[in-house]
Protein backbone atom coordinates (compact mmCIF):
# COMPACT_ATOMS: atom_id res chain seq x y z
CA MET A 1 186.09 85.75 72.66
CA ALA A 2 183.78 88.23 74.35
CA ARG A 3 186.27 88.96 77.36
CA ASP A 4 189.08 91.57 76.71
CA ASN A 5 192.04 92.49 78.83
CA ILE A 6 191.73 95.89 80.23
CA ILE A 7 194.31 98.14 82.24
CA LEU A 8 193.07 99.88 85.40
CA ARG A 9 194.57 103.50 85.97
CA CYS A 10 194.53 105.43 89.30
CA THR A 11 192.77 108.70 88.96
CA ALA A 12 194.72 110.21 91.67
CA CYS A 13 198.32 109.79 90.29
CA GLY A 14 197.72 108.27 86.81
CA ASP A 15 199.79 104.93 87.63
CA GLU A 16 198.63 101.81 85.72
CA ASN A 17 198.44 99.36 88.56
CA TYR A 18 196.09 96.53 87.53
CA ILE A 19 195.36 94.40 84.48
CA THR A 20 192.03 92.56 84.49
CA THR A 21 189.39 91.19 82.07
CA LYS A 22 185.78 92.05 81.47
CA ASN A 23 182.95 90.97 79.16
CA LYS A 24 182.60 93.92 76.62
CA ARG A 25 179.30 92.60 75.27
CA LYS A 26 177.51 92.71 78.65
CA HIS A 27 179.22 95.73 80.19
CA PRO A 28 180.06 98.11 77.27
CA ASP A 29 180.64 101.19 79.53
CA LYS A 30 184.06 102.01 81.36
CA MET A 31 184.90 100.21 84.48
CA GLU A 32 185.40 102.26 87.63
CA ILE A 33 186.35 100.42 90.84
CA GLN A 34 187.96 101.20 94.41
CA LYS A 35 191.49 99.50 94.45
CA TYR A 36 194.74 99.95 96.47
CA CYS A 37 197.37 102.23 94.75
CA PRO A 38 200.78 101.50 96.06
CA LYS A 39 202.11 105.02 94.95
CA CYS A 40 199.38 106.88 96.68
CA ASN A 41 199.39 104.25 99.64
CA LYS A 42 195.75 104.23 99.96
CA LYS A 43 192.49 103.16 98.35
CA THR A 44 191.47 105.25 95.25
CA VAL A 45 189.15 104.97 92.38
CA HIS A 46 190.69 103.23 89.30
CA LYS A 47 189.20 103.66 85.84
CA GLU A 48 189.65 101.83 82.78
CA LYS A 49 192.38 103.07 80.41
CA LYS A 50 191.33 104.06 76.84
């Protein structure tokens, strides 16, 4: 399968809040998206964990 599970980590506090999938063949670079962080209590940038 081309789709792999990835974990998104908050850049502000470092919490791992979301698990999602992405196609690594079409998008080999790291994902970066605005999501809600319950610890920070606001929307922050979440990056793909190593």
